[in-house]
């Protein structure tokens, strides 16, 4: 195994922090009570009520898979690629539910679309980074 560049380690740490924030946001979402949901804007209440259960599972796969993938990168394990691929699938399934089935773009607005676009971009970049790390023999 070859030594990875410093930027690779920095990127893995930043990505881990990003994914841990996603895990915290997901945990916060799971802890919302009916009273908490009632305090949300009407559009968000509608999205919350309309989302299918399987999209919540997809979100869990996305955030947990991303965090574990980052840990695998830092541990120099090629499992990072599989975990990031699984996370990306979770992101895509979540986005399908949010934007195709319940039209989250109309309900939540452009900010939600931009944020989910960033999440998708980061997911794709982490898959590509892990592939590159395997190809360059930075992880094994």
Protein backbone atom coordinates (compact mmCIF):
# COMPACT_ATOMS: atom_id res chain seq x y z
CA UNK A 1 0.00 0.00 0.00
CA UNK A 2 1.28 3.44 -0.93
CA UNK A 3 1.19 6.45 1.32
CA UNK A 4 -1.85 8.62 0.68
CA UNK A 5 -1.42 12.36 0.17
CA UNK A 6 -2.21 14.76 3.01
CA UNK A 7 -5.20 16.21 1.11
CA UNK A 8 -6.75 12.73 1.07
CA UNK A 9 -6.68 12.46 4.86
CA UNK A 10 -8.01 16.00 5.28
CA UNK A 11 -10.80 15.28 2.82
CA UNK A 12 -11.73 12.08 4.66
CA UNK A 13 -11.92 13.92 7.99
CA UNK A 14 -14.04 16.75 6.54
CA UNK A 15 -16.30 14.19 4.85
CA UNK A 16 -16.66 12.33 8.15
CA UNK A 17 -17.73 15.55 9.88
CA UNK A 18 -20.21 16.21 7.05
CA UNK A 19 -21.68 12.73 7.39
CA UNK A 20 -21.82 12.93 11.18
CA UNK A 21 -23.84 16.13 10.80
CA UNK A 22 -26.15 14.17 8.52
CA UNK A 23 -26.48 11.48 11.19
CA UNK A 24 -27.34 14.12 13.80
CA UNK A 25 -29.93 15.70 11.51
CA UNK A 26 -31.46 12.30 10.84
CA UNK A 27 -31.56 11.47 14.56
CA UNK A 28 -33.21 14.83 15.22
CA UNK A 29 -35.79 14.09 12.55
CA UNK A 30 -36.58 10.73 14.13
CA UNK A 31 -37.10 12.37 17.51
CA UNK A 32 -39.72 14.85 16.29
CA UNK A 33 -42.95 14.46 18.20
CA UNK A 34 -46.41 15.15 16.79
CA UNK A 35 -46.31 18.51 18.58
CA UNK A 36 -42.96 19.32 16.97
CA UNK A 37 -44.31 18.47 13.52
CA UNK A 38 -47.38 20.64 14.16
CA UNK A 39 -45.05 23.63 14.72
CA UNK A 40 -43.41 23.20 11.30
CA UNK A 41 -44.54 25.30 8.31
CA UNK A 42 -47.50 23.75 6.49
CA UNK A 43 -45.40 22.68 3.51
CA UNK A 44 -42.96 20.84 5.75
CA UNK A 45 -45.81 19.19 7.62
CA UNK A 46 -47.20 17.98 4.30
CA UNK A 47 -43.82 16.57 3.27
CA UNK A 48 -43.36 14.91 6.64
CA UNK A 49 -46.79 13.27 6.47
CA UNK A 50 -46.43 12.17 2.84
CA UNK A 51 -43.01 10.55 2.96
CA UNK A 52 -43.10 6.78 2.77
CA UNK A 53 -41.44 4.72 5.49
CA UNK A 54 -38.97 3.22 3.05
CA UNK A 55 -37.61 6.70 2.29
CA UNK A 56 -36.79 7.10 5.99
CA UNK A 57 -34.88 3.80 5.81
CA UNK A 58 -33.10 5.08 2.67
CA UNK A 59 -32.07 8.20 4.57
CA UNK A 60 -30.65 6.04 7.37
CA UNK A 61 -28.69 4.00 4.82
CA UNK A 62 -27.40 7.21 3.23
CA UNK A 63 -26.14 8.88 6.40
CA UNK A 64 -24.88 5.81 8.24
CA UNK A 65 -23.27 4.40 5.08
CA UNK A 66 -21.56 7.72 4.42
CA UNK A 67 -20.20 7.98 7.96
CA UNK A 68 -18.98 4.38 7.95
CA UNK A 69 -17.44 4.91 4.51
CA UNK A 70 -15.44 7.85 5.86
CA UNK A 71 -14.26 5.78 8.80
CA UNK A 72 -13.23 3.06 6.34
CA UNK A 73 -11.25 5.64 4.33
CA UNK A 74 -9.45 6.76 7.46
CA UNK A 75 -8.73 3.12 8.34
CA UNK A 76 -7.41 2.61 4.78
CA UNK A 77 -10.01 -0.04 4.01
CA UNK A 78 -11.38 -0.64 0.52
CA UNK A 79 -14.77 -1.24 2.19
CA UNK A 80 -15.11 2.52 1.82
CA UNK A 81 -16.13 2.08 -1.81
CA UNK A 82 -18.97 -0.35 -1.03
CA UNK A 83 -20.18 1.80 1.86
CA UNK A 84 -20.16 4.97 -0.24
CA UNK A 85 -21.96 3.16 -3.07
CA UNK A 86 -24.61 2.01 -0.60
CA UNK A 87 -24.87 5.54 0.77
CA UNK A 88 -25.30 6.92 -2.75
CA UNK A 89 -28.11 4.46 -3.43
CA UNK A 90 -29.76 5.64 -0.20
CA UNK A 91 -29.45 9.27 -1.35
CA UNK A 92 -31.00 8.45 -4.74
CA UNK A 93 -33.90 6.54 -3.19
CA UNK A 94 -34.50 9.34 -0.69
CA UNK A 95 -34.43 11.93 -3.48
CA UNK A 96 -36.84 9.87 -5.57
CA UNK A 97 -39.33 9.84 -2.71
CA UNK A 98 -38.81 13.51 -1.92
CA UNK A 99 -38.89 14.99 -5.40
CA UNK A 100 -40.81 12.52 -7.56
CA UNK A 101 -43.40 10.98 -5.26
CA UNK A 102 -44.24 13.90 -3.00
CA UNK A 103 -42.98 16.86 -5.08
CA UNK A 104 -40.77 18.25 -2.35
CA UNK A 105 -39.47 20.93 -4.71
CA UNK A 106 -42.92 22.53 -4.82
CA UNK A 107 -43.53 22.01 -1.10
CA UNK A 108 -40.15 22.95 0.35
CA UNK A 109 -38.85 25.27 -2.35
CA UNK A 110 -35.55 25.78 -4.09
CA UNK A 111 -33.47 25.68 -0.91
CA UNK A 112 -34.39 22.02 -0.39
CA UNK A 113 -33.49 21.25 -4.01
CA UNK A 114 -30.11 22.98 -3.66
CA UNK A 115 -29.31 21.26 -0.36
CA UNK A 116 -30.24 17.83 -1.70
CA UNK A 117 -28.22 18.59 -4.82
CA UNK A 118 -25.19 19.25 -2.62
CA UNK A 119 -25.82 16.00 -0.71
CA UNK A 120 -26.01 14.10 -3.99
CA UNK A 121 -22.85 15.74 -5.32
CA UNK A 122 -20.91 14.90 -2.14
CA UNK A 123 -22.19 11.30 -2.34
CA UNK A 124 -20.97 10.94 -5.93
CA UNK A 125 -17.61 12.56 -5.13
CA UNK A 126 -17.03 10.20 -2.19
CA UNK A 127 -17.68 7.17 -4.41
CA UNK A 128 -15.21 8.54 -6.97
CA UNK A 129 -12.65 9.37 -4.26
CA UNK A 130 -12.80 5.84 -2.85
CA UNK A 131 -12.39 4.36 -6.35
CA UNK A 132 -9.38 6.57 -6.92
CA UNK A 133 -7.91 5.58 -3.54
CA UNK A 134 -8.23 1.91 -4.44
CA UNK A 135 -6.71 2.47 -7.90
CA UNK A 136 -3.79 4.43 -6.44
CA UNK A 137 -3.32 1.80 -3.73
CA UNK A 138 -3.90 4.31 -0.92
CA UNK A 139 -6.39 1.91 0.65
CA UNK A 140 -6.56 -1.86 0.49
